[in-house]
Structures are given as structure tokens and as C-alpha cells.
PDB file of N, CA and C in Angstrom:
ATOM      1  N   MET A   1      33.685   8.092  -0.261  1.00  0.00           N
ATOM      2  CA  MET A   1      32.752   7.354   0.566  1.00  0.00           C
ATOM      3  C   MET A   1      31.327   7.842   0.263  1.00  0.00           C
ATOM      4  N   SER A   2      30.426   6.937  -0.011  1.00  0.00           N
ATOM      5  CA  SER A   2      29.048   7.248  -0.348  1.00  0.00           C
ATOM      6  C   SER A   2      28.222   7.464   0.917  1.00  0.00           C
ATOM      7  N   ARG A   3      27.395   8.528   0.896  1.00  0.00           N
ATOM      8  CA  ARG A   3      26.522   8.806   2.050  1.00  0.00           C
ATOM      9  C   ARG A   3      25.163   8.191   1.803  1.00  0.00           C
ATOM     10  N   SER A   4      24.545   7.728   2.857  1.00  0.00           N
ATOM     11  CA  SER A   4      23.209   7.165   2.764  1.00  0.00           C
ATOM     12  C   SER A   4      22.181   8.241   3.082  1.00  0.00           C
ATOM     13  N   ALA A   5      21.032   8.135   2.430  1.00  0.00           N
ATOM     14  CA  ALA A   5      19.918   9.012   2.771  1.00  0.00           C
ATOM     15  C   ALA A   5      19.395   8.587   4.142  1.00  0.00           C
ATOM     16  N   VAL A   6      18.833   9.522   4.882  1.00  0.00           N
ATOM     17  CA  VAL A   6      18.400   9.247   6.244  1.00  0.00           C
ATOM     18  C   VAL A   6      16.914   9.528   6.392  1.00  0.00           C
ATOM     19  N   LEU A   7      16.229   8.618   7.062  1.00  0.00           N
ATOM     20  CA  LEU A   7      14.831   8.798   7.427  1.00  0.00           C
ATOM     21  C   LEU A   7      14.709   8.447   8.900  1.00  0.00           C
ATOM     22  N   LYS A   8      14.271   9.414   9.685  1.00  0.00           N
ATOM     23  CA  LYS A   8      14.050   9.158  11.103  1.00  0.00           C
ATOM     24  C   LYS A   8      12.634   8.623  11.243  1.00  0.00           C
ATOM     25  N   LEU A   9      12.498   7.450  11.810  1.00  0.00           N
ATOM     26  CA  LEU A   9      11.217   6.768  11.891  1.00  0.00           C
ATOM     27  C   LEU A   9      10.762   6.689  13.343  1.00  0.00           C
ATOM     28  N   HIS A  10       9.541   7.150  13.595  1.00  0.00           N
ATOM     29  CA  HIS A  10       8.980   7.094  14.943  1.00  0.00           C
ATOM     30  C   HIS A  10       7.921   6.000  14.971  1.00  0.00           C
ATOM     31  N   PHE A  11       8.068   5.058  15.875  1.00  0.00           N
ATOM     32  CA  PHE A  11       7.107   3.969  16.008  1.00  0.00           C
ATOM     33  C   PHE A  11       6.055   4.346  17.041  1.00  0.00           C
ATOM     34  N   ARG A  12       4.786   4.279  16.635  1.00  0.00           N
ATOM     35  CA  ARG A  12       3.700   4.509  17.591  1.00  0.00           C
ATOM     36  C   ARG A  12       3.525   3.303  18.494  1.00  0.00           C
ATOM     37  N   ASN A  13       3.881   2.145  17.987  1.00  0.00           N
ATOM     38  CA  ASN A  13       3.756   0.909  18.752  1.00  0.00           C
ATOM     39  C   ASN A  13       5.165   0.392  19.056  1.00  0.00           C
ATOM     40  N   GLU A  14       5.558   0.484  20.304  1.00  0.00           N
ATOM     41  CA  GLU A  14       6.919   0.070  20.689  1.00  0.00           C
ATOM     42  C   GLU A  14       7.166  -1.409  20.424  1.00  0.00           C
ATOM     43  N   GLU A  15       6.103  -2.204  20.469  1.00  0.00           N
ATOM     44  CA  GLU A  15       6.240  -3.640  20.218  1.00  0.00           C
ATOM     45  C   GLU A  15       6.702  -3.900  18.782  1.00  0.00           C
ATOM     46  N   THR A  16       6.239  -3.072  17.850  1.00  0.00           N
ATOM     47  CA  THR A  16       6.665  -3.212  16.455  1.00  0.00           C
ATOM     48  C   THR A  16       8.179  -3.031  16.359  1.00  0.00           C
ATOM     49  N   LEU A  17       8.697  -2.034  17.030  1.00  0.00           N
ATOM     50  CA  LEU A  17      10.135  -1.797  17.020  1.00  0.00           C
ATOM     51  C   LEU A  17      10.882  -2.974  17.654  1.00  0.00           C
ATOM     52  N   ARG A  18      10.367  -3.477  18.760  1.00  0.00           N
ATOM     53  CA  ARG A  18      11.022  -4.633  19.407  1.00  0.00           C
ATOM     54  C   ARG A  18      11.031  -5.843  18.478  1.00  0.00           C
ATOM     55  N   HIS A  19       9.922  -6.088  17.783  1.00  0.00           N
ATOM     56  CA  HIS A  19       9.862  -7.217  16.846  1.00  0.00           C
ATOM     57  C   HIS A  19      10.844  -7.017  15.698  1.00  0.00           C
ATOM     58  N   LEU A  20      10.937  -5.792  15.204  1.00  0.00           N
ATOM     59  CA  LEU A  20      11.876  -5.489  14.130  1.00  0.00           C
ATOM     60  C   LEU A  20      13.312  -5.760  14.587  1.00  0.00           C
ATOM     61  N   GLU A  21      13.651  -5.271  15.757  1.00  0.00           N
ATOM     62  CA  GLU A  21      15.011  -5.467  16.285  1.00  0.00           C
ATOM     63  C   GLU A  21      15.297  -6.946  16.528  1.00  0.00           C
ATOM     64  N   GLN A  22      14.320  -7.668  17.055  1.00  0.00           N
ATOM     65  CA  GLN A  22      14.504  -9.096  17.328  1.00  0.00           C
ATOM     66  C   GLN A  22      14.684  -9.881  16.025  1.00  0.00           C
ATOM     67  N   ALA A  23      13.850  -9.610  15.045  1.00  0.00           N
ATOM     68  CA  ALA A  23      13.951 -10.308  13.762  1.00  0.00           C
ATOM     69  C   ALA A  23      15.285  -9.992  13.087  1.00  0.00           C
ATOM     70  N   ALA A  24      15.695  -8.728  13.131  1.00  0.00           N
ATOM     71  CA  ALA A  24      16.966  -8.333  12.532  1.00  0.00           C
ATOM     72  C   ALA A  24      18.123  -9.060  13.216  1.00  0.00           C
ATOM     73  N   HIS A  25      18.069  -9.136  14.536  1.00  0.00           N
ATOM     74  CA  HIS A  25      19.118  -9.843  15.294  1.00  0.00           C
ATOM     75  C   HIS A  25      19.181 -11.307  14.880  1.00  0.00           C
ATOM     76  N   GLU A  26      18.006 -11.940  14.774  1.00  0.00           N
ATOM     77  CA  GLU A  26      17.953 -13.357  14.399  1.00  0.00           C
ATOM     78  C   GLU A  26      18.440 -13.582  12.971  1.00  0.00           C
ATOM     79  N   LEU A  27      18.248 -12.595  12.105  1.00  0.00           N
ATOM     80  CA  LEU A  27      18.717 -12.703  10.718  1.00  0.00           C
ATOM     81  C   LEU A  27      20.177 -12.282  10.566  1.00  0.00           C
ATOM     82  N   GLY A  28      20.739 -11.701  11.612  1.00  0.00           N
ATOM     83  CA  GLY A  28      22.138 -11.269  11.568  1.00  0.00           C
ATOM     84  C   GLY A  28      22.358 -10.004  10.761  1.00  0.00           C
ATOM     85  N   ILE A  29      21.322  -9.153  10.702  1.00  0.00           N
ATOM     86  CA  ILE A  29      21.439  -7.881   9.992  1.00  0.00           C
ATOM     87  C   ILE A  29      20.963  -6.768  10.918  1.00  0.00           C
ATOM     88  N   SER A  30      21.195  -5.543  10.508  1.00  0.00           N
ATOM     89  CA  SER A  30      20.757  -4.420  11.330  1.00  0.00           C
ATOM     90  C   SER A  30      19.257  -4.193  11.150  1.00  0.00           C
ATOM     91  N   ALA A  31      18.658  -3.562  12.139  1.00  0.00           N
ATOM     92  CA  ALA A  31      17.239  -3.215  12.050  1.00  0.00           C
ATOM     93  C   ALA A  31      17.012  -2.275  10.872  1.00  0.00           C
ATOM     94  N   ASP A  32      17.967  -1.398  10.594  1.00  0.00           N
ATOM     95  CA  ASP A  32      17.864  -0.493   9.445  1.00  0.00           C
ATOM     96  C   ASP A  32      17.785  -1.275   8.138  1.00  0.00           C
ATOM     97  N   GLU A  33      18.648  -2.296   8.008  1.00  0.00           N
ATOM     98  CA  GLU A  33      18.645  -3.098   6.780  1.00  0.00           C
ATOM     99  C   GLU A  33      17.326  -3.850   6.613  1.00  0.00           C
ATOM    100  N   LEU A  34      16.809  -4.424   7.702  1.00  0.00           N
ATOM    101  CA  LEU A  34      15.551  -5.157   7.629  1.00  0.00           C
ATOM    102  C   LEU A  34      14.388  -4.226   7.308  1.00  0.00           C
ATOM    103  N   ALA A  35      14.350  -3.068   7.947  1.00  0.00           N
ATOM    104  CA  ALA A  35      13.277  -2.102   7.694  1.00  0.00           C
ATOM    105  C   ALA A  35      13.330  -1.625   6.243  1.00  0.00           C
ATOM    106  N   GLU A  36      14.524  -1.333   5.739  1.00  0.00           N
ATOM    107  CA  GLU A  36      14.646  -0.881   4.356  1.00  0.00           C
ATOM    108  C   GLU A  36      14.185  -1.960   3.383  1.00  0.00           C
ATOM    109  N   ALA A  37      14.578  -3.212   3.628  1.00  0.00           N
ATOM    110  CA  ALA A  37      14.162  -4.314   2.754  1.00  0.00           C
ATOM    111  C   ALA A  37      12.636  -4.486   2.787  1.00  0.00           C
ATOM    112  N   ALA A  38      12.051  -4.374   3.971  1.00  0.00           N
ATOM    113  CA  ALA A  38      10.598  -4.514   4.097  1.00  0.00           C
ATOM    114  C   ALA A  38       9.877  -3.388   3.376  1.00  0.00           C
ATOM    115  N   ILE A  39      10.380  -2.182   3.505  1.00  0.00           N
ATOM    116  CA  ILE A  39       9.769  -1.031   2.837  1.00  0.00           C
ATOM    117  C   ILE A  39       9.906  -1.170   1.323  1.00  0.00           C
ATOM    118  N   GLU A  40      11.079  -1.574   0.846  1.00  0.00           N
ATOM    119  CA  GLU A  40      11.282  -1.769  -0.598  1.00  0.00           C
ATOM    120  C   GLU A  40      10.301  -2.799  -1.145  1.00  0.00           C
ATOM    121  N   ARG A  41      10.130  -3.908  -0.429  1.00  0.00           N
ATOM    122  CA  ARG A  41       9.225  -4.971  -0.871  1.00  0.00           C
ATOM    123  C   ARG A  41       7.779  -4.476  -0.886  1.00  0.00           C
ATOM    124  N   GLU A  42       7.391  -3.756   0.141  1.00  0.00           N
ATOM    125  CA  GLU A  42       6.023  -3.245   0.231  1.00  0.00           C
ATOM    126  C   GLU A  42       5.751  -2.242  -0.894  1.00  0.00           C
ATOM    127  N   LEU A  43       6.685  -1.342  -1.146  1.00  0.00           N
ATOM    128  CA  LEU A  43       6.504  -0.354  -2.210  1.00  0.00           C
ATOM    129  C   LEU A  43       6.457  -1.018  -3.581  1.00  0.00           C
ATOM    130  N   ALA A  44       7.285  -2.026  -3.804  1.00  0.00           N
ATOM    131  CA  ALA A  44       7.268  -2.748  -5.083  1.00  0.00           C
ATOM    132  C   ALA A  44       5.928  -3.447  -5.270  1.00  0.00           C
ATOM    133  N   SER A  45       5.411  -4.017  -4.203  1.00  0.00           N
ATOM    134  CA  SER A  45       4.115  -4.695  -4.262  1.00  0.00           C
ATOM    135  C   SER A  45       3.005  -3.711  -4.587  1.00  0.00           C
ATOM    136  N   MET A  46       3.024  -2.551  -3.958  1.00  0.00           N
ATOM    137  CA  MET A  46       2.015  -1.523  -4.211  1.00  0.00           C
ATOM    138  C   MET A  46       2.120  -1.024  -5.652  1.00  0.00           C
ATOM    139  N   ASP A  47       3.327  -0.826  -6.129  1.00  0.00           N
ATOM    140  CA  ASP A  47       3.554  -0.302  -7.471  1.00  0.00           C
ATOM    141  C   ASP A  47       3.080  -1.287  -8.527  1.00  0.00           C
ATOM    142  N   ALA A  48       3.344  -2.574  -8.335  1.00  0.00           N
ATOM    143  CA  ALA A  48       2.937  -3.584  -9.309  1.00  0.00           C
ATOM    144  C   ALA A  48       1.422  -3.614  -9.451  1.00  0.00           C
ATOM    145  N   GLY A  49       0.717  -3.552  -8.354  1.00  0.00           N
ATOM    146  CA  GLY A  49      -0.741  -3.553  -8.404  1.00  0.00           C
ATOM    147  C   GLY A  49      -1.290  -2.313  -9.073  1.00  0.00           C
ATOM    148  N   LEU A  50      -0.703  -1.186  -8.787  1.00  0.00           N
ATOM    149  CA  LEU A  50      -1.167   0.069  -9.370  1.00  0.00           C
ATOM    150  C   LEU A  50      -0.927   0.091 -10.868  1.00  0.00           C
ATOM    151  N   GLY A  51       0.223  -0.405 -11.305  1.00  0.00           N
ATOM    152  CA  GLY A  51       0.538  -0.429 -12.735  1.00  0.00           C
ATOM    153  C   GLY A  51      -0.463  -1.245 -13.529  1.00  0.00           C
ATOM    154  N   SER A  52      -0.831  -2.415 -13.012  1.00  0.00           N
ATOM    155  CA  SER A  52      -1.790  -3.249 -13.742  1.00  0.00           C
ATOM    156  C   SER A  52      -3.175  -2.612 -13.752  1.00  0.00           C
ATOM    157  N   LYS A  53      -3.545  -1.942 -12.665  1.00  0.00           N
ATOM    158  CA  LYS A  53      -4.839  -1.253 -12.636  1.00  0.00           C
ATOM    159  C   LYS A  53      -4.872  -0.121 -13.655  1.00  0.00           C
ATOM    160  N   LEU A  54      -3.792   0.648 -13.719  1.00  0.00           N
ATOM    161  CA  LEU A  54      -3.742   1.762 -14.676  1.00  0.00           C
ATOM    162  C   LEU A  54      -3.750   1.259 -16.121  1.00  0.00           C
ATOM    163  N   THR A  55      -3.070   0.138 -16.377  1.00  0.00           N
ATOM    164  CA  THR A  55      -3.082  -0.444 -17.718  1.00  0.00           C
ATOM    165  C   THR A  55      -4.486  -0.870 -18.102  1.00  0.00           C
ATOM    166  N   GLY A  56      -5.204  -1.487 -17.174  1.00  0.00           N
ATOM    167  CA  GLY A  56      -6.584  -1.884 -17.433  1.00  0.00           C
ATOM    168  C   GLY A  56      -7.479  -0.692 -17.724  1.00  0.00           C
ATOM    169  N   ILE A  57      -7.292   0.377 -16.959  1.00  0.00           N
ATOM    170  CA  ILE A  57      -8.078   1.597 -17.181  1.00  0.00           C
ATOM    171  C   ILE A  57      -7.779   2.165 -18.563  1.00  0.00           C
ATOM    172  N   LEU A  58      -6.516   2.180 -18.941  1.00  0.00           N
ATOM    173  CA  LEU A  58      -6.134   2.705 -20.253  1.00  0.00           C
ATOM    174  C   LEU A  58      -6.801   1.904 -21.371  1.00  0.00           C
ATOM    175  N   HIS A  59      -6.802   0.576 -21.269  1.00  0.00           N
ATOM    176  CA  HIS A  59      -7.446  -0.264 -22.284  1.00  0.00           C
ATOM    177  C   HIS A  59      -8.947   0.015 -22.372  1.00  0.00           C
ATOM    178  N   ARG A  60      -9.590   0.167 -21.209  1.00  0.00           N
ATOM    179  CA  ARG A  60     -11.023   0.457 -21.212  1.00  0.00           C
ATOM    180  C   ARG A  60     -11.308   1.833 -21.821  1.00  0.00           C
ATOM    181  N   LEU A  61     -10.458   2.803 -21.525  1.00  0.00           N
ATOM    182  CA  LEU A  61     -10.655   4.140 -22.110  1.00  0.00           C
ATOM    183  C   LEU A  61     -10.495   4.117 -23.627  1.00  0.00           C
ATOM    184  N   LYS A  62      -9.508   3.370 -24.103  1.00  0.00           N
ATOM    185  CA  LYS A  62      -9.293   3.289 -25.554  1.00  0.00           C
ATOM    186  C   LYS A  62     -10.460   2.590 -26.248  1.00  0.00           C
ATOM    187  N   ALA A  63     -11.081   1.636 -25.568  1.00  0.00           N
ATOM    188  CA  ALA A  63     -12.184   0.885 -26.163  1.00  0.00           C
ATOM    189  C   ALA A  63     -13.519   1.608 -26.054  1.00  0.00           C
ATOM    190  N   HIS A  64     -13.562   2.670 -25.280  1.00  0.00           N
ATOM    191  CA  HIS A  64     -14.818   3.387 -25.052  1.00  0.00           C
ATOM    192  C   HIS A  64     -15.304   4.068 -26.324  1.00  0.00           C
ATOM    193  N   LYS A  65     -16.566   3.817 -26.636  1.00  0.00           N
ATOM    194  CA  LYS A  65     -17.186   4.463 -27.796  1.00  0.00           C
ATOM    195  C   LYS A  65     -17.865   5.739 -27.337  1.00  0.00           C
ATOM    196  N   ARG A  66     -17.568   6.810 -28.000  1.00  0.00           N
ATOM    197  CA  ARG A  66     -18.130   8.125 -27.642  1.00  0.00           C
ATOM    198  C   ARG A  66     -19.624   8.159 -27.963  1.00  0.00           C
ATOM    199  N   GLY A  67     -20.430   8.531 -26.983  1.00  0.00           N
ATOM    200  CA  GLY A  67     -21.874   8.641 -27.169  1.00  0.00           C
ATOM    201  C   GLY A  67     -22.334  10.026 -26.779  1.00  0.00           C
ATOM    202  N   PRO A  68     -23.634  10.201 -26.666  1.00  0.00           N
ATOM    203  CA  PRO A  68     -24.157  11.506 -26.256  1.00  0.00           C
ATOM    204  C   PRO A  68     -23.651  11.878 -24.855  1.00  0.00           C
ATOM    205  N   ILE A  69     -23.237  13.111 -24.686  1.00  0.00           N
ATOM    206  CA  ILE A  69     -22.665  13.570 -23.414  1.00  0.00           C
ATOM    207  C   ILE A  69     -23.650  13.402 -22.262  1.00  0.00           C
ATOM    208  N   GLU A  70     -24.925  13.580 -22.506  1.00  0.00           N
ATOM    209  CA  GLU A  70     -25.929  13.437 -21.453  1.00  0.00           C
ATOM    210  C   GLU A  70     -25.935  12.015 -20.901  1.00  0.00           C
ATOM    211  N   GLN A  71     -25.796  11.028 -21.792  1.00  0.00           N
ATOM    212  CA  GLN A  71     -25.759   9.630 -21.346  1.00  0.00           C
ATOM    213  C   GLN A  71     -24.491   9.357 -20.537  1.00  0.00           C
ATOM    214  N   ASP A  72     -23.367   9.920 -20.981  1.00  0.00           N
ATOM    215  CA  ASP A  72     -22.111   9.752 -20.236  1.00  0.00           C
ATOM    216  C   ASP A  72     -22.238  10.339 -18.828  1.00  0.00           C
ATOM    217  N   ILE A  73     -22.834  11.499 -18.714  1.00  0.00           N
ATOM    218  CA  ILE A  73     -23.014  12.145 -17.410  1.00  0.00           C
ATOM    219  C   ILE A  73     -23.911  11.295 -16.523  1.00  0.00           C
ATOM    220  N   ALA A  74     -24.999  10.784 -17.075  1.00  0.00           N
ATOM    221  CA  ALA A  74     -25.919   9.936 -16.303  1.00  0.00           C
ATOM    222  C   ALA A  74     -25.227   8.654 -15.855  1.00  0.00           C
ATOM    223  N   ASP A  75     -24.438   8.027 -16.742  1.00  0.00           N
ATOM    224  CA  ASP A  75     -23.717   6.805 -16.394  1.00  0.00           C
ATOM    225  C   ASP A  75     -22.691   7.069 -15.288  1.00  0.00           C
ATOM    226  N   PHE A  76     -21.996   8.186 -15.401  1.00  0.00           N
ATOM    227  CA  PHE A  76     -21.005   8.547 -14.388  1.00  0.00           C
ATOM    228  C   PHE A  76     -21.676   8.746 -13.024  1.00  0.00           C
ATOM    229  N   ALA A  77     -22.754   9.502 -13.005  1.00  0.00           N
ATOM    230  CA  ALA A  77     -23.466   9.775 -11.752  1.00  0.00           C
ATOM    231  C   ALA A  77     -23.981   8.475 -11.138  1.00  0.00           C
ATOM    232  N   ARG A  78     -24.531   7.586 -11.955  1.00  0.00           N
ATOM    233  CA  ARG A  78     -25.034   6.308 -11.453  1.00  0.00           C
ATOM    234  C   ARG A  78     -23.881   5.485 -10.847  1.00  0.00           C
ATOM    235  N   GLY A  79     -22.739   5.486 -11.528  1.00  0.00           N
ATOM    236  CA  GLY A  79     -21.579   4.751 -11.022  1.00  0.00           C
ATOM    237  C   GLY A  79     -21.083   5.281  -9.690  1.00  0.00           C
ATOM    238  N   GLU A  80     -21.134   6.594  -9.503  1.00  0.00           N
ATOM    239  CA  GLU A  80     -20.703   7.202  -8.241  1.00  0.00           C
ATOM    240  C   GLU A  80     -21.591   6.762  -7.078  1.00  0.00           C
ATOM    241  N   VAL A  81     -22.845   6.494  -7.358  1.00  0.00           N
ATOM    242  CA  VAL A  81     -23.797   6.121  -6.312  1.00  0.00           C
ATOM    243  C   VAL A  81     -23.837   4.611  -6.091  1.00  0.00           C
ATOM    244  N   GLU A  82     -23.769   3.844  -7.176  1.00  0.00           N
ATOM    245  CA  GLU A  82     -24.012   2.404  -7.092  1.00  0.00           C
ATOM    246  C   GLU A  82     -22.762   1.570  -6.845  1.00  0.00           C
ATOM    247  N   LEU A  83     -21.598   2.057  -7.225  1.00  0.00           N
ATOM    248  CA  LEU A  83     -20.383   1.248  -7.143  1.00  0.00           C
ATOM    249  C   LEU A  83     -19.502   1.684  -5.979  1.00  0.00           C
ATOM    250  N   ASP A  84     -18.845   0.695  -5.350  1.00  0.00           N
ATOM    251  CA  ASP A  84     -17.889   0.994  -4.285  1.00  0.00           C
ATOM    252  C   ASP A  84     -16.630   1.604  -4.882  1.00  0.00           C
ATOM    253  N   ASP A  85     -16.044   2.551  -4.176  1.00  0.00           N
ATOM    254  CA  ASP A  85     -14.800   3.176  -4.606  1.00  0.00           C
ATOM    255  C   ASP A  85     -13.656   2.193  -4.362  1.00  0.00           C
ATOM    256  N   PRO A  86     -12.944   1.747  -5.422  1.00  0.00           N
ATOM    257  CA  PRO A  86     -11.883   0.745  -5.223  1.00  0.00           C
ATOM    258  C   PRO A  86     -10.679   1.280  -4.451  1.00  0.00           C
ATOM    259  N   PHE A  87     -10.541   2.599  -4.326  1.00  0.00           N
ATOM    260  CA  PHE A  87      -9.396   3.160  -3.617  1.00  0.00           C
ATOM    261  C   PHE A  87      -9.756   3.672  -2.225  1.00  0.00           C
ATOM    262  N   GLN A  88     -10.956   3.388  -1.788  1.00  0.00           N
ATOM    263  CA  GLN A  88     -11.386   3.840  -0.475  1.00  0.00           C
ATOM    264  C   GLN A  88     -10.706   2.975   0.592  1.00  0.00           C
ATOM    265  N   GLY A  89     -10.144   3.619   1.594  1.00  0.00           N
ATOM    266  CA  GLY A  89      -9.489   2.894   2.671  1.00  0.00           C
ATOM    267  C   GLY A  89     -10.505   2.125   3.497  1.00  0.00           C
ATOM    268  N   LYS A  90     -10.078   0.978   3.977  1.00  0.00           N
ATOM    269  CA  LYS A  90     -10.949   0.141   4.792  1.00  0.00           C
ATOM    270  C   LYS A  90     -10.181  -0.302   6.027  1.00  0.00           C
ATOM    271  N   ARG A  91     -10.865  -0.319   7.143  1.00  0.00           N
ATOM    272  CA  ARG A  91     -10.254  -0.800   8.375  1.00  0.00           C
ATOM    273  C   ARG A  91     -10.181  -2.318   8.315  1.00  0.00           C
ATOM    274  N   VAL A  92      -9.022  -2.857   8.644  1.00  0.00           N
ATOM    275  CA  VAL A  92      -8.844  -4.304   8.640  1.00  0.00           C
ATOM    276  C   VAL A  92      -8.401  -4.757  10.023  1.00  0.00           C
ATOM    277  N   SER A  93      -8.613  -5.999  10.295  1.00  0.00           N
ATOM    278  CA  SER A  93      -8.210  -6.562  11.581  1.00  0.00           C
ATOM    279  C   SER A  93      -6.685  -6.625  11.646  1.00  0.00           C
ATOM    280  N   THR A  94      -6.139  -6.329  12.806  1.00  0.00           N
ATOM    281  CA  THR A  94      -4.688  -6.416  12.967  1.00  0.00           C
ATOM    282  C   THR A  94      -4.305  -7.576  13.887  1.00  0.00           C
ATOM    283  N   ASP A  95      -5.233  -8.523  14.055  1.00  0.00           N
ATOM    284  CA  ASP A  95      -4.912  -9.698  14.865  1.00  0.00           C
ATOM    285  C   ASP A  95      -3.728 -10.423  14.237  1.00  0.00           C
ATOM    286  N   ASP A  96      -2.745 -10.728  15.030  1.00  0.00           N
ATOM    287  CA  ASP A  96      -1.528 -11.367  14.534  1.00  0.00           C
ATOM    288  C   ASP A  96      -0.990 -12.257  15.642  1.00  0.00           C
ATOM    289  N   PRO A  97      -1.609 -13.431  15.848  1.00  0.00           N
ATOM    290  CA  PRO A  97      -1.255 -14.260  16.991  1.00  0.00           C
ATOM    291  C   PRO A  97       0.193 -14.723  17.011  1.00  0.00           C
ATOM    292  N   HIS A  98       0.843 -14.798  15.852  1.00  0.00           N
ATOM    293  CA  HIS A  98       2.224 -15.263  15.808  1.00  0.00           C
ATOM    294  C   HIS A  98       3.245 -14.130  15.697  1.00  0.00           C
ATOM    295  N   GLY A  99       2.761 -12.890  15.612  1.00  0.00           N
ATOM    296  CA  GLY A  99       3.661 -11.742  15.577  1.00  0.00           C
ATOM    297  C   GLY A  99       4.375 -11.527  14.261  1.00  0.00           C
ATOM    298  N   ILE A 100       3.974 -12.230  13.208  1.00  0.00           N
ATOM    299  CA  ILE A 100       4.659 -12.114  11.917  1.00  0.00           C
ATOM    300  C   ILE A 100       4.399 -10.744  11.297  1.00  0.00           C
ATOM    301  N   GLY A 101       3.150 -10.348  11.240  1.00  0.00           N
ATOM    302  CA  GLY A 101       2.809  -9.063  10.643  1.00  0.00           C
ATOM    303  C   GLY A 101       3.379  -7.898  11.422  1.00  0.00           C
ATOM    304  N   ALA A 102       3.565  -8.096  12.717  1.00  0.00           N
ATOM    305  CA  ALA A 102       4.087  -7.018  13.558  1.00  0.00           C
ATOM    306  C   ALA A 102       5.553  -6.710  13.259  1.00  0.00           C
ATOM    307  N   LEU A 103       6.214  -7.564  12.484  1.00  0.00           N
ATOM    308  CA  LEU A 103       7.604  -7.298  12.119  1.00  0.00           C
ATOM    309  C   LEU A 103       7.716  -6.101  11.182  1.00  0.00           C
ATOM    310  N   PHE A 104       6.623  -5.784  10.544  1.00  0.00           N
ATOM    311  CA  PHE A 104       6.615  -4.695   9.584  1.00  0.00           C
ATOM    312  C   PHE A 104       5.642  -3.627  10.054  1.00  0.00           C
ATOM    313  N   ALA A 105       5.939  -2.408   9.719  1.00  0.00           N
ATOM    314  CA  ALA A 105       5.073  -1.295  10.123  1.00  0.00           C
ATOM    315  C   ALA A 105       3.699  -1.479   9.492  1.00  0.00           C
ATOM    316  N   ARG A 106       2.677  -1.120  10.235  1.00  0.00           N
ATOM    317  CA  ARG A 106       1.315  -1.200   9.705  1.00  0.00           C
ATOM    318  C   ARG A 106       1.148  -0.154   8.619  1.00  0.00           C
ATOM    319  N   ARG A 107       0.357  -0.494   7.618  1.00  0.00           N
ATOM    320  CA  ARG A 107       0.066   0.460   6.554  1.00  0.00           C
ATOM    321  C   ARG A 107      -0.747   1.604   7.146  1.00  0.00           C
ATOM    322  N   LEU A 108      -0.495   2.780   6.659  1.00  0.00           N
ATOM    323  CA  LEU A 108      -1.281   3.933   7.094  1.00  0.00           C
ATOM    324  C   LEU A 108      -2.665   3.812   6.492  1.00  0.00           C
ATOM    325  N   GLU A 109      -3.649   4.052   7.301  1.00  0.00           N
ATOM    326  CA  GLU A 109      -5.013   3.997   6.802  1.00  0.00           C
ATOM    327  C   GLU A 109      -5.366   5.326   6.165  1.00  0.00           C
ATOM    328  N   ARG A 110      -6.057   5.259   5.059  1.00  0.00           N
ATOM    329  CA  ARG A 110      -6.506   6.480   4.381  1.00  0.00           C
ATOM    330  C   ARG A 110      -7.970   6.685   4.688  1.00  0.00           C
ATOM    331  N   GLY A 111      -8.361   7.940   4.605  1.00  0.00           N
ATOM    332  CA  GLY A 111      -9.785   8.252   4.679  1.00  0.00           C
ATOM    333  C   GLY A 111     -10.207   8.475   6.047  1.00  0.00           C
TER     334      GLY A 111
END
């Protein structure tokens, strides 16, 4: 008999848990199965985006022509000041009038 890995999950928002249980009941599956499927889908989505970003970075690095180090340092410093950090966490609205988004745990905010 195969054992399953276990993750104890604590919900900060009890309504999220109720929505998960209700949706699972309506789908005829356990809340554990629905939560696992949602987590798998979310992780796959995150991974796909990250892979394409890393591939793009690799192509840009390979195409980069080496110049004077002083110019590279100046360009880097200017970029740190002038450009937004693409990985910086941002607060987003959690309005969900139909309760669809509440079926899944909210993403943890970074930063």
C-alpha cells in the first residue's frame, strides 16, 4: 500500500476553507483532491512563466557584446534606478464578487 505525503494546511480565512469544501462537494471529490489539483495547476503555471523568462535572459546574455567594464557598471547602476524590478511583489485587489477566486488559496505576497 502506497503512503501519501502529508501537508497540514492552516487557513487564515475560514471562508476560503468553506468555499474549498463546498466546491469539492459539488464536484464529488474530497477537499484534499481539489486543493492538490489547484496547487499543482498553480505551480505549473508559475513554472511555465519562469522557464520562458529564464530562456529569454539566457538568449540576451549570449547576445551581449563585451565592452568596457566601466560602461557595464554605469549601465547596471542606471538600470537599478530607472527600471522597475519585474520580480517585486505588488499588492493586488482581492475583490471577488462571485467567490471564484476564493476557491483557491491566495498567493503569498512577497516583499
